[in-house]
Amino acid sequence: MSGAEDSRANGADPTRTVALVTGASAGIGEEFAEQLAKKGHDLIVVARSADRLETLAARLRTANRIAVDVLPADLTKPEDLRSVERRIEGLPRLDLLVNNAGFGTMGRFATLDADQEEAEIRLNVVALVRLTRAALPAMLRHDRGAVINVSSLAGFQAGPFNATYAATKAYVTSFTESLGEELRGTRLRVQALCPGFTRTEFQDRAGIDVSDLPDLAWMSAASVVESSLAALDRGELVHVPGVTNRLVAGLVRVTPRTVLRRIVGSTMRTRVG
C-alpha cells in the first residue's frame, strides 16, 4: 500500500476514523469491514489469509476511497498475536476494535484433538482478551472508542458436543459485560454481539450438518452486522440480532439449565452420531 494510505490507516489524519477487524477475510468479519468502509472508516484488516485480505482491501479501497491496511496473522500463535498487539498499541488513534476471529469444533469432547481445542481457546478467548487490553488504554486516554466482541447465542447455555466453543462464548459475553460496567461513566462503548445461525463458512469449518434447519433459523452476515452497529450506537451492551434469536434467548433465560442441557444434548447427539 502507499505511504499516504498507510499514514491514514494509522490514524495520522484526525478527521478519519479507524477500525481494526479480526477474522476479516470471510463471514461476519468481512461484512464488518464492508459496512464500516461504506461508513467512511479507514481499516486495518486481520486474518490468516493474506491473499483474501489483499483482495478485500483492493475492493474496499476502490469502492469507498478509504485506506485499508492488511495485517496477516494467525492469532493462535503468540508471536503473531503479539505483533497485532504492538500494532494496536502504536496507533495514534483507534476508534473501533472488532474482535471477530474465532472458530468452533464439534463432537464428543473425549475424541477431539486436544491441540485443536487449545487453539480454539487461544483464538476465541486469549486473543480477544489481549487485543482488548491493548486497545483500551489509548481509548481511555482519549475518552472515545468502542470494542465489539463477537460472541454467540451458543454461549447462553451449556453446549454438549460443542463444549469448548460454547464455553468460550460464555466467557466472551461475561467478560464484555464486566468491561461495560467498569467503563461506566466514560464515553467508551463495548458490545457482546451474540448471533445465532448465520450464513457464513463457520458451519462447514466446524463440521456441523445444518442442512435440516429451516430458513427462519438463519440470518445473513449483512443483517447481523447492520443490527450490531445500530445497537452499538444505542449503547446496547449485549446484543442478540434478529427476532427469532431474541425469542430463543428469552426461552433460554426461563428454562431450567438441567432441562436446557438435556434438550441441547439430545439435539446435538443426532448430529454427531
Protein backbone atom coordinates (compact mmCIF):
# COMPACT_ATOMS: atom_id res chain seq x y z
CA MET A 1 0.00 0.00 0.00
CA SER A 2 1.14 3.60 -0.50
CA GLY A 3 2.71 5.70 2.23
CA ALA A 4 -0.31 8.02 2.19
CA GLU A 5 -2.69 5.12 2.67
CA ASP A 6 -0.54 3.70 5.46
CA SER A 7 -0.48 7.01 7.35
CA ARG A 8 -4.24 7.32 7.15
CA ALA A 9 -4.82 3.75 8.36
CA ASN A 10 -2.55 4.53 11.29
CA GLY A 11 -4.77 7.42 12.28
CA ALA A 12 -2.46 10.27 11.26
CA ASP A 13 -5.41 12.18 9.81
CA PRO A 14 -7.50 13.23 12.82
CA THR A 15 -10.59 13.69 10.64
CA ARG A 16 -10.67 9.97 9.78
CA THR A 17 -11.98 7.17 11.97
CA VAL A 18 -10.02 3.93 12.15
CA ALA A 19 -11.36 0.43 12.79
CA LEU A 20 -9.46 -2.84 13.21
CA VAL A 21 -11.32 -6.04 12.38
CA THR A 22 -10.02 -9.54 13.10
CA GLY A 23 -11.21 -12.53 11.13
CA ALA A 24 -11.88 -10.10 8.30
CA SER A 25 -11.30 -12.46 5.39
CA ALA A 26 -14.76 -14.07 5.46
CA GLY A 27 -18.21 -14.14 7.03
CA ILE A 28 -19.17 -11.68 9.74
CA GLY A 29 -15.69 -10.15 9.85
CA GLU A 30 -15.66 -9.44 6.13
CA GLU A 31 -19.12 -7.92 6.42
CA PHE A 32 -17.97 -5.66 9.27
CA ALA A 33 -15.16 -4.45 7.00
CA GLU A 34 -17.61 -3.86 4.15
CA GLN A 35 -20.11 -1.88 6.22
CA LEU A 36 -17.51 0.12 8.12
CA ALA A 37 -15.83 1.04 4.83
CA LYS A 38 -19.15 2.32 3.49
CA LYS A 39 -19.43 4.48 6.61
CA GLY A 40 -16.04 6.02 5.80
CA HIS A 41 -13.80 4.27 8.33
CA ASP A 42 -10.21 3.59 7.42
CA LEU A 43 -9.49 -0.05 8.18
CA ILE A 44 -6.88 -2.46 9.44
CA VAL A 45 -7.94 -5.97 8.50
CA VAL A 46 -6.50 -9.04 10.21
CA ALA A 47 -6.77 -12.72 9.27
CA ARG A 48 -4.57 -15.68 8.40
CA SER A 49 -5.12 -15.47 4.64
CA ALA A 50 -3.03 -12.70 3.14
CA ASP A 51 -4.46 -13.33 -0.34
CA ARG A 52 -8.06 -12.96 0.83
CA LEU A 53 -7.20 -9.83 2.77
CA GLU A 54 -5.47 -8.24 -0.20
CA THR A 55 -8.48 -8.96 -2.42
CA LEU A 56 -10.81 -7.47 0.17
CA ALA A 57 -8.60 -4.43 0.69
CA ALA A 58 -8.35 -3.69 -3.03
CA ARG A 59 -12.12 -3.87 -3.41
CA LEU A 60 -12.82 -1.64 -0.42
CA ARG A 61 -10.24 0.98 -1.38
CA THR A 62 -11.67 1.26 -4.88
CA ALA A 63 -15.32 1.29 -3.86
CA ASN A 64 -15.07 3.59 -0.84
CA ARG A 65 -11.91 5.69 -1.28
CA ILE A 66 -10.61 4.71 2.14
CA ALA A 67 -7.29 3.42 3.44
CA VAL A 68 -7.10 -0.29 4.17
CA ASP A 69 -4.04 -1.80 5.84
CA VAL A 70 -3.61 -5.57 5.54
CA LEU A 71 -2.17 -7.37 8.56
CA PRO A 72 -1.91 -11.16 8.05
CA ALA A 73 -1.69 -13.01 11.37
CA ASP A 74 -2.60 -16.32 12.94
CA LEU A 75 -3.87 -15.18 16.33
CA THR A 76 -3.48 -18.65 17.83
CA LYS A 77 0.30 -18.13 17.58
CA PRO A 78 1.78 -15.99 20.38
CA GLU A 79 4.24 -14.21 18.08
CA ASP A 80 1.53 -13.24 15.59
CA LEU A 81 -0.80 -12.14 18.36
CA ARG A 82 1.91 -10.00 19.90
CA SER A 83 2.58 -8.33 16.53
CA VAL A 84 -1.08 -7.28 16.31
CA GLU A 85 -0.99 -6.08 19.92
CA ARG A 86 2.04 -3.92 19.11
CA ARG A 87 0.27 -2.51 16.08
CA ILE A 88 -2.74 -1.53 18.19
CA GLU A 89 -0.56 -0.05 20.94
CA GLY A 90 1.32 2.03 18.36
CA LEU A 91 -1.74 3.55 16.71
CA PRO A 92 -2.26 7.27 17.31
CA ARG A 93 -5.97 6.55 17.15
CA LEU A 94 -8.25 3.52 17.11
CA ASP A 95 -11.96 4.21 17.11
CA LEU A 96 -13.31 0.68 16.90
CA LEU A 97 -11.90 -2.79 17.57
CA VAL A 98 -13.97 -5.71 16.28
CA ASN A 99 -12.81 -8.98 17.82
CA ASN A 100 -14.46 -11.35 15.37
CA ALA A 101 -11.84 -14.05 14.77
CA GLY A 102 -12.90 -17.41 16.10
CA PHE A 103 -13.79 -20.98 15.24
CA GLY A 104 -15.70 -23.92 16.67
CA THR A 105 -15.30 -27.67 16.95
CA MET A 106 -17.99 -30.29 17.20
CA GLY A 107 -18.02 -33.83 18.53
CA ARG A 108 -17.59 -35.84 21.68
CA PHE A 109 -15.00 -33.94 23.69
CA ALA A 110 -13.08 -37.10 24.64
CA THR A 111 -12.43 -37.79 20.96
CA LEU A 112 -11.45 -34.29 19.84
CA ASP A 113 -7.85 -33.23 19.23
CA ALA A 114 -6.50 -31.57 22.36
CA ASP A 115 -4.23 -29.18 20.47
CA GLN A 116 -7.17 -28.04 18.34
CA GLU A 117 -9.29 -27.44 21.44
CA GLU A 118 -6.48 -25.37 22.96
CA ALA A 119 -6.13 -23.38 19.74
CA GLU A 120 -9.88 -22.70 19.89
CA ILE A 121 -9.49 -21.25 23.37
CA ARG A 122 -6.45 -19.24 22.31
CA LEU A 123 -8.32 -17.65 19.42
CA ASN A 124 -11.80 -17.24 20.89
CA VAL A 125 -10.66 -16.09 24.34
CA VAL A 126 -6.96 -15.32 24.74
CA ALA A 127 -6.55 -13.28 21.55
CA LEU A 128 -9.76 -11.37 22.23
CA VAL A 129 -8.69 -10.51 25.78
CA ARG A 130 -5.20 -9.44 24.80
CA LEU A 131 -6.31 -7.28 21.88
CA THR A 132 -8.96 -5.62 24.01
CA ARG A 133 -6.32 -4.95 26.67
CA ALA A 134 -4.03 -3.46 24.00
CA ALA A 135 -6.75 -1.12 22.73
CA LEU A 136 -8.36 0.19 25.92
CA PRO A 137 -5.58 2.35 27.46
CA ALA A 138 -5.43 4.75 24.50
CA MET A 139 -9.22 4.77 24.19
CA LEU A 140 -9.47 5.70 27.85
CA ARG A 141 -6.88 8.46 27.46
CA HIS A 142 -8.85 9.95 24.58
CA ASP A 143 -12.20 9.10 26.21
CA ARG A 144 -13.53 7.71 22.95
CA GLY A 145 -13.69 4.40 21.16
CA ALA A 146 -15.60 1.14 21.07
CA VAL A 147 -14.99 -2.61 21.17
CA ILE A 148 -17.31 -5.21 19.66
CA ASN A 149 -16.60 -8.75 20.85
CA VAL A 150 -18.32 -11.34 18.68
CA SER A 151 -19.83 -13.93 20.99
CA SER A 152 -22.70 -16.28 20.19
CA LEU A 153 -26.16 -17.37 21.22
CA ALA A 154 -24.40 -20.68 21.94
CA GLY A 155 -22.78 -19.09 24.97
CA PHE A 156 -26.12 -18.66 26.74
CA GLN A 157 -26.30 -22.32 27.73
CA ALA A 158 -24.19 -25.45 28.06
CA GLY A 159 -23.12 -26.92 24.72
CA PRO A 160 -22.89 -30.71 24.78
CA PHE A 161 -20.88 -31.94 21.77
CA ASN A 162 -19.88 -28.30 21.24
CA ALA A 163 -18.44 -27.88 24.71
CA THR A 164 -15.33 -25.80 24.15
CA TYR A 165 -16.97 -23.41 21.72
CA ALA A 166 -19.98 -22.77 23.96
CA ALA A 167 -17.71 -22.23 26.96
CA THR A 168 -15.51 -19.74 25.10
CA LYS A 169 -18.53 -17.74 24.02
CA ALA A 170 -19.95 -17.74 27.56
CA TYR A 171 -16.60 -16.26 28.61
CA VAL A 172 -16.72 -13.60 25.91
CA THR A 173 -20.19 -12.44 26.92
CA SER A 174 -19.38 -12.36 30.64
CA PHE A 175 -16.05 -10.62 30.02
CA THR A 176 -17.70 -7.96 27.87
CA GLU A 177 -20.49 -7.35 30.37
CA SER A 178 -17.89 -6.88 33.09
CA LEU A 179 -15.97 -4.38 30.97
CA GLY A 180 -19.16 -2.49 30.29
CA GLU A 181 -19.66 -1.93 33.98
CA GLU A 182 -16.01 -0.99 34.53
CA LEU A 183 -16.30 1.61 31.77
CA ARG A 184 -19.49 3.15 33.11
CA GLY A 185 -19.04 6.94 33.26
CA THR A 186 -16.70 7.04 30.26
CA ARG A 187 -17.59 7.65 26.63
CA LEU A 188 -16.29 4.21 25.63
CA ARG A 189 -18.76 1.61 24.38
CA VAL A 190 -18.43 -2.16 24.40
CA GLN A 191 -20.72 -4.79 22.98
CA ALA A 192 -21.03 -8.56 23.13
CA LEU A 193 -22.59 -9.49 19.80
CA CYS A 194 -24.46 -12.81 20.15
CA PRO A 195 -25.70 -14.04 16.77
CA GLY A 196 -27.40 -17.34 16.16
CA PHE A 197 -27.12 -19.31 12.93
CA THR A 198 -25.54 -17.04 10.32
CA ARG A 199 -24.86 -17.91 6.69
CA THR A 200 -21.06 -18.00 6.65
CA GLU A 201 -18.30 -20.60 6.28
CA PHE A 202 -18.38 -21.27 10.04
CA GLN A 203 -20.63 -24.35 9.98
CA ASP A 204 -18.64 -26.08 7.23
CA ARG A 205 -15.37 -25.44 9.03
CA ALA A 206 -16.80 -26.77 12.29
CA GLY A 207 -18.20 -29.85 10.58
CA ILE A 208 -21.78 -29.10 11.62
CA ASP A 209 -24.58 -30.54 9.49
CA VAL A 210 -27.25 -27.83 9.37
CA SER A 211 -28.99 -28.91 6.19
CA ASP A 212 -32.24 -29.59 8.04
CA LEU A 213 -32.54 -26.16 9.65
CA PRO A 214 -35.39 -24.00 8.30
CA ASP A 215 -34.71 -20.65 6.66
CA LEU A 216 -36.36 -18.96 9.64
CA ALA A 217 -33.41 -20.00 11.81
CA TRP A 218 -30.86 -18.16 9.69
CA MET A 219 -29.61 -14.60 9.33
CA SER A 220 -27.28 -13.17 6.74
CA ALA A 221 -23.94 -11.78 7.85
CA ALA A 222 -25.03 -8.40 6.47
CA SER A 223 -28.13 -8.33 8.69
CA VAL A 224 -26.11 -9.37 11.76
CA VAL A 225 -23.55 -6.61 11.26
CA GLU A 226 -26.14 -3.95 10.45
CA SER A 227 -28.00 -4.85 13.64
CA SER A 228 -24.78 -4.83 15.68
CA LEU A 229 -23.68 -1.38 14.55
CA ALA A 230 -27.13 0.07 15.19
CA ALA A 231 -27.12 -1.47 18.67
CA LEU A 232 -23.66 -0.05 19.34
CA ASP A 233 -24.97 3.42 18.54
CA ARG A 234 -27.74 2.81 21.10
CA GLY A 235 -25.22 1.71 23.72
CA GLU A 236 -26.59 -1.84 23.92
CA LEU A 237 -24.11 -3.95 25.91
CA VAL A 238 -25.30 -7.46 24.98
CA HIS A 239 -26.92 -7.62 21.56
CA VAL A 240 -28.79 -10.59 20.11
CA PRO A 241 -29.64 -9.78 16.47
CA GLY A 242 -32.85 -11.00 14.90
CA VAL A 243 -36.35 -11.59 16.23
CA THR A 244 -36.04 -15.38 16.16
CA ASN A 245 -32.74 -15.30 18.03
CA ARG A 246 -34.17 -12.96 20.65
CA LEU A 247 -37.09 -15.33 21.17
CA VAL A 248 -34.65 -18.21 21.63
CA ALA A 249 -32.58 -16.16 24.08
CA GLY A 250 -35.72 -15.36 26.07
CA LEU A 251 -36.68 -19.03 26.27
CA VAL A 252 -33.16 -19.95 27.35
CA ARG A 253 -33.34 -17.48 30.23
CA VAL A 254 -36.52 -19.02 31.68
CA THR A 255 -35.77 -22.71 31.03
CA PRO A 256 -34.11 -24.62 33.90
CA ARG A 257 -30.49 -25.36 33.00
CA THR A 258 -30.92 -29.09 33.63
CA VAL A 259 -33.75 -29.23 31.11
CA LEU A 260 -31.93 -26.98 28.66
CA ARG A 261 -28.74 -29.00 28.51
CA ARG A 262 -30.75 -32.20 28.02
CA ILE A 263 -32.55 -30.61 25.07
CA VAL A 264 -29.32 -29.30 23.54
CA GLY A 265 -27.55 -32.59 24.17
CA SER A 266 -30.34 -34.60 22.57
CA THR A 267 -30.39 -32.34 19.52
CA MET A 268 -26.63 -32.32 19.05
CA ARG A 269 -26.26 -36.06 19.67
CA THR A 270 -28.16 -36.76 16.47
CA ARG A 271 -25.71 -34.59 14.54
CA VAL A 272 -22.54 -36.28 15.77
CA GLY A 273 -23.81 -39.86 15.74
